[in-house]
Amino acid sequence: MARLSIFAAAMTLALTASVASAATLPLVVGTYVCDEFACHDAPFAAIKDFDGRSFSGAHSSGCDTVVLGRQGSRYATRTTCMAQGDGTPMQPFTQLQTVSVLSSKRFVVTPTKAASAARAAYRLCGSLNRVPH
């Protein structure tokens, strides 16, 4: 009986861990632009694409975003990118960030480590890779 309970507990833990690692952000797939800029006039550095699982941008592609934890509408994330924006392979780099989801079409990104990037708010501006100009 004790073995069955230990096994059941282990399976529950394993299933919970796999569900947590597969968690995604509750955002609409599309291209998001920093609130400081108009959708049609944003510099590439102010644009983030969200494909339903991962963020990428003008200078990064081949990215994988993993939700590390959640507290309410705040998600601790780790994004690792394997290529430059044009797809050229590069040394992988990782960003740790907190994504605060304001709605399915708006979020705020806060770096969790000292970085050159500051806190920034984004809004949905179009379908994936299709910001109107």
Foldseek 3Di string as FASTA:
>chain_A
DVVVVVVVVVVVVVVVVVVQFQDAQLADFAKKFFPVDDLADGDQVRIWGDHRAAIATQFFDQKGKTFPDDDPQKTWIKIWTQATNVRHGDDIDIFTWIWRDPDNFKIWIAGPDDDPDHITIIGGQGHHPCRHD
